[in-house]
Amino acid sequence: MAYTWEPKWEVFEVDLEGIKFKTCRDRITGLIACPVCIHAASKCLGEKPPFNYVYENAYFYTVEDLLEHMKGYHLLGLKKRTAKLAEKLREED
């Protein structure tokens, strides 16, 4: 019995309701990786890995679940950081 999983990544293009991007999908399990969490550009799209990138594991069975994760986790965090920056800029004025 194996306690580890070594994904066999392939390029997977998401094209749903006008949202288009590329990410990685495991050929064996069909799991779709969040392109932000695993840095898809370096995992399966052929780019160099970034220096000091904090990799996370976020895999999904459906494109819809992946998009919900990206909206809730990544966009919500971006909105919070933007609001903090705006508040800081208002204080400086």
PDB file of N, CA and C in Angstrom:
ATOM      1  N   MET A   1       0.839  -1.164   0.000  1.00  0.00           N
ATOM      2  CA  MET A   1       0.000   0.000   0.000  1.00  0.00           C
ATOM      3  C   MET A   1       0.891   1.237   0.000  1.00  0.00           C
ATOM      4  N   ALA A   2       0.533   2.226  -0.827  1.00  0.00           N
ATOM      5  CA  ALA A   2       1.314   3.455  -0.925  1.00  0.00           C
ATOM      6  C   ALA A   2       0.703   4.541  -0.051  1.00  0.00           C
ATOM      7  N   TYR A   3       1.580   5.290   0.575  1.00  0.00           N
ATOM      8  CA  TYR A   3       1.127   6.410   1.402  1.00  0.00           C
ATOM      9  C   TYR A   3       1.419   7.751   0.737  1.00  0.00           C
ATOM     10  N   THR A   4       1.981   7.717  -0.443  1.00  0.00           N
ATOM     11  CA  THR A   4       2.263   8.949  -1.162  1.00  0.00           C
ATOM     12  C   THR A   4       1.630   8.897  -2.545  1.00  0.00           C
ATOM     13  N   TRP A   5       1.549  10.053  -3.159  1.00  0.00           N
ATOM     14  CA  TRP A   5       0.965  10.160  -4.486  1.00  0.00           C
ATOM     15  C   TRP A   5       1.880  11.023  -5.328  1.00  0.00           C
ATOM     16  N   GLU A   6       2.307  10.496  -6.431  1.00  0.00           N
ATOM     17  CA  GLU A   6       3.155  11.240  -7.350  1.00  0.00           C
ATOM     18  C   GLU A   6       2.336  11.523  -8.606  1.00  0.00           C
ATOM     19  N   PRO A   7       1.783  12.735  -8.728  1.00  0.00           N
ATOM     20  CA  PRO A   7       0.908  13.034  -9.865  1.00  0.00           C
ATOM     21  C   PRO A   7       1.660  13.011 -11.190  1.00  0.00           C
ATOM     22  N   LYS A   8       0.971  12.628 -12.222  1.00  0.00           N
ATOM     23  CA  LYS A   8       1.472  12.652 -13.595  1.00  0.00           C
ATOM     24  C   LYS A   8       0.720  13.781 -14.296  1.00  0.00           C
ATOM     25  N   TRP A   9       1.290  14.984 -14.221  1.00  0.00           N
ATOM     26  CA  TRP A   9       0.595  16.172 -14.684  1.00  0.00           C
ATOM     27  C   TRP A   9       0.520  16.253 -16.199  1.00  0.00           C
ATOM     28  N   GLU A  10      -0.610  16.766 -16.671  1.00  0.00           N
ATOM     29  CA  GLU A  10      -0.791  17.141 -18.061  1.00  0.00           C
ATOM     30  C   GLU A  10      -1.430  18.526 -18.070  1.00  0.00           C
ATOM     31  N   VAL A  11      -1.240  19.247 -19.161  1.00  0.00           N
ATOM     32  CA  VAL A  11      -1.835  20.582 -19.282  1.00  0.00           C
ATOM     33  C   VAL A  11      -3.338  20.414 -19.472  1.00  0.00           C
ATOM     34  N   PHE A  12      -4.093  21.220 -18.731  1.00  0.00           N
ATOM     35  CA  PHE A  12      -5.552  21.179 -18.801  1.00  0.00           C
ATOM     36  C   PHE A  12      -6.050  22.601 -18.993  1.00  0.00           C
ATOM     37  N   GLU A  13      -6.832  22.821 -20.030  1.00  0.00           N
ATOM     38  CA  GLU A  13      -7.346  24.160 -20.297  1.00  0.00           C
ATOM     39  C   GLU A  13      -8.780  24.270 -19.808  1.00  0.00           C
ATOM     40  N   VAL A  14      -9.007  25.249 -18.951  1.00  0.00           N
ATOM     41  CA  VAL A  14     -10.343  25.543 -18.446  1.00  0.00           C
ATOM     42  C   VAL A  14     -10.969  26.574 -19.379  1.00  0.00           C
ATOM     43  N   ASP A  15     -12.175  26.304 -19.825  1.00  0.00           N
ATOM     44  CA  ASP A  15     -12.913  27.230 -20.677  1.00  0.00           C
ATOM     45  C   ASP A  15     -14.376  27.096 -20.299  1.00  0.00           C
ATOM     46  N   LEU A  16     -14.806  27.920 -19.351  1.00  0.00           N
ATOM     47  CA  LEU A  16     -16.161  27.828 -18.828  1.00  0.00           C
ATOM     48  C   LEU A  16     -16.756  29.218 -18.699  1.00  0.00           C
ATOM     49  N   GLU A  17     -17.815  29.482 -19.433  1.00  0.00           N
ATOM     50  CA  GLU A  17     -18.550  30.739 -19.360  1.00  0.00           C
ATOM     51  C   GLU A  17     -17.636  31.965 -19.473  1.00  0.00           C
ATOM     52  N   GLY A  18     -16.744  31.938 -20.444  1.00  0.00           N
ATOM     53  CA  GLY A  18     -15.863  33.075 -20.686  1.00  0.00           C
ATOM     54  C   GLY A  18     -14.608  33.115 -19.837  1.00  0.00           C
ATOM     55  N   ILE A  19     -14.455  32.185 -18.908  1.00  0.00           N
ATOM     56  CA  ILE A  19     -13.256  32.109 -18.073  1.00  0.00           C
ATOM     57  C   ILE A  19     -12.320  31.098 -18.714  1.00  0.00           C
ATOM     58  N   LYS A  20     -11.121  31.562 -19.087  1.00  0.00           N
ATOM     59  CA  LYS A  20     -10.157  30.690 -19.747  1.00  0.00           C
ATOM     60  C   LYS A  20      -8.801  30.801 -19.059  1.00  0.00           C
ATOM     61  N   PHE A  21      -8.217  29.668 -18.726  1.00  0.00           N
ATOM     62  CA  PHE A  21      -6.855  29.615 -18.208  1.00  0.00           C
ATOM     63  C   PHE A  21      -6.360  28.177 -18.291  1.00  0.00           C
ATOM     64  N   LYS A  22      -5.066  28.017 -18.135  1.00  0.00           N
ATOM     65  CA  LYS A  22      -4.468  26.680 -18.154  1.00  0.00           C
ATOM     66  C   LYS A  22      -4.005  26.312 -16.764  1.00  0.00           C
ATOM     67  N   THR A  23      -4.135  25.047 -16.455  1.00  0.00           N
ATOM     68  CA  THR A  23      -3.675  24.524 -15.179  1.00  0.00           C
ATOM     69  C   THR A  23      -3.209  23.084 -15.402  1.00  0.00           C
ATOM     70  N   CYS A  24      -3.023  22.345 -14.330  1.00  0.00           N
ATOM     71  CA  CYS A  24      -2.552  20.965 -14.409  1.00  0.00           C
ATOM     72  C   CYS A  24      -3.653  20.002 -13.993  1.00  0.00           C
ATOM     73  N   ARG A  25      -3.679  18.846 -14.663  1.00  0.00           N
ATOM     74  CA  ARG A  25      -4.602  17.782 -14.288  1.00  0.00           C
ATOM     75  C   ARG A  25      -3.811  16.477 -14.244  1.00  0.00           C
ATOM     76  N   ASP A  26      -4.067  15.673 -13.242  1.00  0.00           N
ATOM     77  CA  ASP A  26      -3.398  14.385 -13.117  1.00  0.00           C
ATOM     78  C   ASP A  26      -4.018  13.404 -14.122  1.00  0.00           C
ATOM     79  N   ARG A  27      -3.166  12.756 -14.908  1.00  0.00           N
ATOM     80  CA  ARG A  27      -3.639  11.818 -15.929  1.00  0.00           C
ATOM     81  C   ARG A  27      -4.308  10.584 -15.338  1.00  0.00           C
ATOM     82  N   ILE A  28      -3.918  10.172 -14.156  1.00  0.00           N
ATOM     83  CA  ILE A  28      -4.440   8.938 -13.559  1.00  0.00           C
ATOM     84  C   ILE A  28      -5.755   9.195 -12.814  1.00  0.00           C
ATOM     85  N   THR A  29      -5.752  10.152 -11.902  1.00  0.00           N
ATOM     86  CA  THR A  29      -6.922  10.387 -11.056  1.00  0.00           C
ATOM     87  C   THR A  29      -7.915  11.371 -11.655  1.00  0.00           C
ATOM     88  N   GLY A  30      -7.459  12.226 -12.578  1.00  0.00           N
ATOM     89  CA  GLY A  30      -8.317  13.258 -13.137  1.00  0.00           C
ATOM     90  C   GLY A  30      -8.443  14.488 -12.256  1.00  0.00           C
ATOM     91  N   LEU A  31      -7.706  14.526 -11.145  1.00  0.00           N
ATOM     92  CA  LEU A  31      -7.771  15.683 -10.251  1.00  0.00           C
ATOM     93  C   LEU A  31      -7.201  16.917 -10.939  1.00  0.00           C
ATOM     94  N   ILE A  32      -7.907  18.038 -10.770  1.00  0.00           N
ATOM     95  CA  ILE A  32      -7.508  19.312 -11.355  1.00  0.00           C
ATOM     96  C   ILE A  32      -6.880  20.153 -10.252  1.00  0.00           C
ATOM     97  N   ALA A  33      -5.702  20.686 -10.524  1.00  0.00           N
ATOM     98  CA  ALA A  33      -4.979  21.467  -9.518  1.00  0.00           C
ATOM     99  C   ALA A  33      -5.301  22.945  -9.640  1.00  0.00           C
ATOM    100  N   CYS A  34      -5.363  23.617  -8.510  1.00  0.00           N
ATOM    101  CA  CYS A  34      -5.505  25.073  -8.507  1.00  0.00           C
ATOM    102  C   CYS A  34      -4.205  25.655  -9.063  1.00  0.00           C
ATOM    103  N   PRO A  35      -4.273  26.458 -10.130  1.00  0.00           N
ATOM    104  CA  PRO A  35      -3.047  26.976 -10.735  1.00  0.00           C
ATOM    105  C   PRO A  35      -2.281  27.944  -9.846  1.00  0.00           C
ATOM    106  N   VAL A  36      -2.953  28.570  -8.909  1.00  0.00           N
ATOM    107  CA  VAL A  36      -2.295  29.508  -8.004  1.00  0.00           C
ATOM    108  C   VAL A  36      -1.597  28.746  -6.879  1.00  0.00           C
ATOM    109  N   CYS A  37      -2.304  27.800  -6.283  1.00  0.00           N
ATOM    110  CA  CYS A  37      -1.758  27.072  -5.129  1.00  0.00           C
ATOM    111  C   CYS A  37      -0.522  26.252  -5.490  1.00  0.00           C
ATOM    112  N   ILE A  38      -0.541  25.568  -6.628  1.00  0.00           N
ATOM    113  CA  ILE A  38       0.607  24.725  -6.968  1.00  0.00           C
ATOM    114  C   ILE A  38       1.582  25.408  -7.917  1.00  0.00           C
ATOM    115  N   HIS A  39       1.289  26.631  -8.347  1.00  0.00           N
ATOM    116  CA  HIS A  39       2.057  27.357  -9.351  1.00  0.00           C
ATOM    117  C   HIS A  39       2.160  26.501 -10.620  1.00  0.00           C
ATOM    118  N   ALA A  40       1.028  26.403 -11.312  1.00  0.00           N
ATOM    119  CA  ALA A  40       0.906  25.560 -12.500  1.00  0.00           C
ATOM    120  C   ALA A  40       1.935  25.892 -13.575  1.00  0.00           C
ATOM    121  N   ALA A  41       2.340  27.145 -13.662  1.00  0.00           N
ATOM    122  CA  ALA A  41       3.310  27.530 -14.681  1.00  0.00           C
ATOM    123  C   ALA A  41       4.599  26.731 -14.561  1.00  0.00           C
ATOM    124  N   SER A  42       5.011  26.415 -13.342  1.00  0.00           N
ATOM    125  CA  SER A  42       6.247  25.661 -13.162  1.00  0.00           C
ATOM    126  C   SER A  42       6.005  24.157 -13.031  1.00  0.00           C
ATOM    127  N   LYS A  43       4.803  23.745 -12.661  1.00  0.00           N
ATOM    128  CA  LYS A  43       4.534  22.314 -12.480  1.00  0.00           C
ATOM    129  C   LYS A  43       4.268  21.592 -13.793  1.00  0.00           C
ATOM    130  N   CYS A  44       3.549  22.235 -14.722  1.00  0.00           N
ATOM    131  CA  CYS A  44       3.217  21.517 -15.949  1.00  0.00           C
ATOM    132  C   CYS A  44       3.247  22.374 -17.205  1.00  0.00           C
ATOM    133  N   LEU A  45       3.478  23.668 -17.076  1.00  0.00           N
ATOM    134  CA  LEU A  45       3.452  24.540 -18.246  1.00  0.00           C
ATOM    135  C   LEU A  45       4.849  24.928 -18.738  1.00  0.00           C
ATOM    136  N   GLY A  46       5.880  24.373 -18.122  1.00  0.00           N
ATOM    137  CA  GLY A  46       7.232  24.523 -18.632  1.00  0.00           C
ATOM    138  C   GLY A  46       8.018  25.740 -18.206  1.00  0.00           C
ATOM    139  N   GLU A  47       7.517  26.522 -17.272  1.00  0.00           N
ATOM    140  CA  GLU A  47       8.277  27.682 -16.811  1.00  0.00           C
ATOM    141  C   GLU A  47       9.145  27.317 -15.616  1.00  0.00           C
ATOM    142  N   LYS A  48      10.080  28.195 -15.302  1.00  0.00           N
ATOM    143  CA  LYS A  48      10.955  27.968 -14.152  1.00  0.00           C
ATOM    144  C   LYS A  48      10.179  28.200 -12.859  1.00  0.00           C
ATOM    145  N   PRO A  49      10.485  27.411 -11.829  1.00  0.00           N
ATOM    146  CA  PRO A  49       9.829  27.649 -10.537  1.00  0.00           C
ATOM    147  C   PRO A  49      10.309  28.962  -9.920  1.00  0.00           C
ATOM    148  N   PRO A  50       9.396  29.700  -9.290  1.00  0.00           N
ATOM    149  CA  PRO A  50       9.786  30.963  -8.666  1.00  0.00           C
ATOM    150  C   PRO A  50      10.583  30.732  -7.389  1.00  0.00           C
ATOM    151  N   PHE A  51      11.364  31.713  -7.032  1.00  0.00           N
ATOM    152  CA  PHE A  51      12.155  31.653  -5.821  1.00  0.00           C
ATOM    153  C   PHE A  51      11.251  31.921  -4.622  1.00  0.00           C
ATOM    154  N   ASN A  52      11.323  31.090  -3.603  1.00  0.00           N
ATOM    155  CA  ASN A  52      10.576  31.251  -2.348  1.00  0.00           C
ATOM    156  C   ASN A  52       9.057  31.222  -2.509  1.00  0.00           C
ATOM    157  N   TYR A  53       8.549  30.467  -3.454  1.00  0.00           N
ATOM    158  CA  TYR A  53       7.104  30.347  -3.628  1.00  0.00           C
ATOM    159  C   TYR A  53       6.567  29.373  -2.592  1.00  0.00           C
ATOM    160  N   VAL A  54       5.475  29.707  -1.940  1.00  0.00           N
ATOM    161  CA  VAL A  54       4.873  28.827  -0.943  1.00  0.00           C
ATOM    162  C   VAL A  54       3.811  27.985  -1.651  1.00  0.00           C
ATOM    163  N   TYR A  55       4.154  26.724  -1.911  1.00  0.00           N
ATOM    164  CA  TYR A  55       3.239  25.814  -2.595  1.00  0.00           C
ATOM    165  C   TYR A  55       2.193  25.288  -1.625  1.00  0.00           C
ATOM    166  N   GLU A  56       0.979  25.165  -2.119  1.00  0.00           N
ATOM    167  CA  GLU A  56      -0.101  24.567  -1.348  1.00  0.00           C
ATOM    168  C   GLU A  56      -0.714  23.456  -2.191  1.00  0.00           C
ATOM    169  N   ASN A  57      -1.437  22.567  -1.572  1.00  0.00           N
ATOM    170  CA  ASN A  57      -2.092  21.486  -2.299  1.00  0.00           C
ATOM    171  C   ASN A  57      -3.588  21.726  -2.318  1.00  0.00           C
ATOM    172  N   ALA A  58      -4.112  21.960  -3.509  1.00  0.00           N
ATOM    173  CA  ALA A  58      -5.547  22.151  -3.669  1.00  0.00           C
ATOM    174  C   ALA A  58      -5.947  21.489  -4.984  1.00  0.00           C
ATOM    175  N   TYR A  59      -6.668  20.376  -4.884  1.00  0.00           N
ATOM    176  CA  TYR A  59      -7.051  19.582  -6.052  1.00  0.00           C
ATOM    177  C   TYR A  59      -8.561  19.382  -6.051  1.00  0.00           C
ATOM    178  N   PHE A  60      -9.141  19.347  -7.253  1.00  0.00           N
ATOM    179  CA  PHE A  60     -10.595  19.300  -7.380  1.00  0.00           C
ATOM    180  C   PHE A  60     -11.000  18.304  -8.462  1.00  0.00           C
ATOM    181  N   TYR A  61     -12.200  17.747  -8.299  1.00  0.00           N
ATOM    182  CA  TYR A  61     -12.733  16.810  -9.275  1.00  0.00           C
ATOM    183  C   TYR A  61     -13.428  17.519 -10.427  1.00  0.00           C
ATOM    184  N   THR A  62     -13.955  18.718 -10.190  1.00  0.00           N
ATOM    185  CA  THR A  62     -14.683  19.428 -11.243  1.00  0.00           C
ATOM    186  C   THR A  62     -14.145  20.841 -11.416  1.00  0.00           C
ATOM    187  N   VAL A  63     -14.345  21.368 -12.613  1.00  0.00           N
ATOM    188  CA  VAL A  63     -13.939  22.743 -12.902  1.00  0.00           C
ATOM    189  C   VAL A  63     -14.741  23.714 -12.047  1.00  0.00           C
ATOM    190  N   GLU A  64     -15.998  23.403 -11.827  1.00  0.00           N
ATOM    191  CA  GLU A  64     -16.846  24.282 -11.015  1.00  0.00           C
ATOM    192  C   GLU A  64     -16.309  24.406  -9.597  1.00  0.00           C
ATOM    193  N   ASP A  65     -15.878  23.280  -9.016  1.00  0.00           N
ATOM    194  CA  ASP A  65     -15.300  23.316  -7.664  1.00  0.00           C
ATOM    195  C   ASP A  65     -14.006  24.129  -7.645  1.00  0.00           C
ATOM    196  N   LEU A  66     -13.191  23.976  -8.671  1.00  0.00           N
ATOM    197  CA  LEU A  66     -11.953  24.749  -8.773  1.00  0.00           C
ATOM    198  C   LEU A  66     -12.258  26.245  -8.817  1.00  0.00           C
ATOM    199  N   LEU A  67     -13.229  26.638  -9.637  1.00  0.00           N
ATOM    200  CA  LEU A  67     -13.573  28.057  -9.747  1.00  0.00           C
ATOM    201  C   LEU A  67     -14.129  28.605  -8.435  1.00  0.00           C
ATOM    202  N   GLU A  68     -14.928  27.832  -7.731  1.00  0.00           N
ATOM    203  CA  GLU A  68     -15.436  28.266  -6.418  1.00  0.00           C
ATOM    204  C   GLU A  68     -14.285  28.469  -5.441  1.00  0.00           C
ATOM    205  N   HIS A  69     -13.313  27.565  -5.464  1.00  0.00           N
ATOM    206  CA  HIS A  69     -12.127  27.707  -4.612  1.00  0.00           C
ATOM    207  C   HIS A  69     -11.382  28.996  -4.949  1.00  0.00           C
ATOM    208  N   MET A  70     -11.175  29.239  -6.237  1.00  0.00           N
ATOM    209  CA  MET A  70     -10.426  30.426  -6.652  1.00  0.00           C
ATOM    210  C   MET A  70     -11.163  31.706  -6.277  1.00  0.00           C
ATOM    211  N   LYS A  71     -12.480  31.727  -6.439  1.00  0.00           N
ATOM    212  CA  LYS A  71     -13.259  32.913  -6.065  1.00  0.00           C
ATOM    213  C   LYS A  71     -13.241  33.121  -4.553  1.00  0.00           C
ATOM    214  N   GLY A  72     -13.450  32.058  -3.803  1.00  0.00           N
ATOM    215  CA  GLY A  72     -13.557  32.180  -2.359  1.00  0.00           C
ATOM    216  C   GLY A  72     -12.235  32.351  -1.645  1.00  0.00           C
ATOM    217  N   TYR A  73     -11.211  31.694  -2.121  1.00  0.00           N
ATOM    218  CA  TYR A  73      -9.929  31.701  -1.419  1.00  0.00           C
ATOM    219  C   TYR A  73      -8.997  32.786  -1.950  1.00  0.00           C
ATOM    220  N   HIS A  74      -8.804  32.833  -3.245  1.00  0.00           N
ATOM    221  CA  HIS A  74      -7.832  33.766  -3.810  1.00  0.00           C
ATOM    222  C   HIS A  74      -8.408  35.167  -4.016  1.00  0.00           C
ATOM    223  N   LEU A  75      -9.594  35.265  -4.563  1.00  0.00           N
ATOM    224  CA  LEU A  75     -10.167  36.593  -4.797  1.00  0.00           C
ATOM    225  C   LEU A  75     -10.579  37.275  -3.507  1.00  0.00           C
ATOM    226  N   LEU A  76     -11.078  36.515  -2.539  1.00  0.00           N
ATOM    227  CA  LEU A  76     -11.445  37.112  -1.254  1.00  0.00           C
ATOM    228  C   LEU A  76     -10.207  37.674  -0.561  1.00  0.00           C
ATOM    229  N   GLY A  77      -9.113  36.935  -0.603  1.00  0.00           N
ATOM    230  CA  GLY A  77      -7.863  37.426  -0.019  1.00  0.00           C
ATOM    231  C   GLY A  77      -7.362  38.677  -0.722  1.00  0.00           C
ATOM    232  N   LEU A  78      -7.506  38.718  -2.045  1.00  0.00           N
ATOM    233  CA  LEU A  78      -7.092  39.888  -2.801  1.00  0.00           C
ATOM    234  C   LEU A  78      -7.949  41.093  -2.439  1.00  0.00           C
ATOM    235  N   LYS A  79      -9.242  40.892  -2.268  1.00  0.00           N
ATOM    236  CA  LYS A  79     -10.125  41.994  -1.878  1.00  0.00           C
ATOM    237  C   LYS A  79      -9.749  42.540  -0.507  1.00  0.00           C
ATOM    238  N   LYS A  80      -9.421  41.647   0.431  1.00  0.00           N
ATOM    239  CA  LYS A  80      -9.031  42.088   1.775  1.00  0.00           C
ATOM    240  C   LYS A  80      -7.734  42.894   1.733  1.00  0.00           C
ATOM    241  N   ARG A  81      -6.748  42.422   0.969  1.00  0.00           N
ATOM    242  CA  ARG A  81      -5.477  43.139   0.868  1.00  0.00           C
ATOM    243  C   ARG A  81      -5.666  44.496   0.196  1.00  0.00           C
ATOM    244  N   THR A  82      -6.521  44.548  -0.823  1.00  0.00           N
ATOM    245  CA  THR A  82      -6.802  45.804  -1.511  1.00  0.00           C
ATOM    246  C   THR A  82      -7.470  46.803  -0.572  1.00  0.00           C
ATOM    247  N   ALA A  83      -8.415  46.329   0.246  1.00  0.00           N
ATOM    248  CA  ALA A  83      -9.100  47.208   1.195  1.00  0.00           C
ATOM    249  C   ALA A  83      -8.116  47.757   2.234  1.00  0.00           C
ATOM    250  N   LYS A  84      -7.199  46.911   2.723  1.00  0.00           N
ATOM    251  CA  LYS A  84      -6.197  47.370   3.687  1.00  0.00           C
ATOM    252  C   LYS A  84      -5.284  48.418   3.068  1.00  0.00           C
ATOM    253  N   LEU A  85      -4.878  48.198   1.823  1.00  0.00           N
ATOM    254  CA  LEU A  85      -4.012  49.147   1.139  1.00  0.00           C
ATOM    255  C   LEU A  85      -4.730  50.472   0.923  1.00  0.00           C
ATOM    256  N   ALA A  86      -5.994  50.418   0.529  1.00  0.00           N
ATOM    257  CA  ALA A  86      -6.775  51.639   0.329  1.00  0.00           C
ATOM    258  C   ALA A  86      -6.899  52.414   1.635  1.00  0.00           C
ATOM    259  N   GLU A  87      -7.153  51.713   2.738  1.00  0.00           N
ATOM    260  CA  GLU A  87      -7.260  52.365   4.043  1.00  0.00           C
ATOM    261  C   GLU A  87      -5.931  53.029   4.433  1.00  0.00           C
ATOM    262  N   LYS A  88      -4.838  52.325   4.176  1.00  0.00           N
ATOM    263  CA  LYS A  88      -3.525  52.863   4.506  1.00  0.00           C
ATOM    264  C   LYS A  88      -3.236  54.119   3.670  1.00  0.00           C
ATOM    265  N   LEU A  89      -3.603  54.098   2.416  1.00  0.00           N
ATOM    266  CA  LEU A  89      -3.381  55.266   1.547  1.00  0.00           C
ATOM    267  C   LEU A  89      -4.249  56.443   1.982  1.00  0.00           C
ATOM    268  N   ARG A  90      -5.467  56.185   2.442  1.00  0.00           N
ATOM    269  CA  ARG A  90      -6.324  57.258   2.942  1.00  0.00           C
ATOM    270  C   ARG A  90      -5.733  57.888   4.192  1.00  0.00           C
ATOM    271  N   GLU A  91      -5.146  57.065   5.064  1.00  0.00           N
ATOM    272  CA  GLU A  91      -4.543  57.576   6.293  1.00  0.00           C
ATOM    273  C   GLU A  91      -3.333  58.454   5.986  1.00  0.00           C
ATOM    274  N   GLU A  92      -2.589  58.112   4.949  1.00  0.00           N
ATOM    275  CA  GLU A  92      -1.408  58.887   4.591  1.00  0.00           C
ATOM    276  C   GLU A  92      -1.772  60.248   3.994  1.00  0.00           C
ATOM    277  N   ASP A  93      -2.952  60.349   3.381  1.00  0.00           N
ATOM    278  CA  ASP A  93      -3.380  61.625   2.777  1.00  0.00           C
ATOM    279  C   ASP A  93      -3.845  62.535   3.844  1.00  0.00           C
TER     280      ASP A  93
END
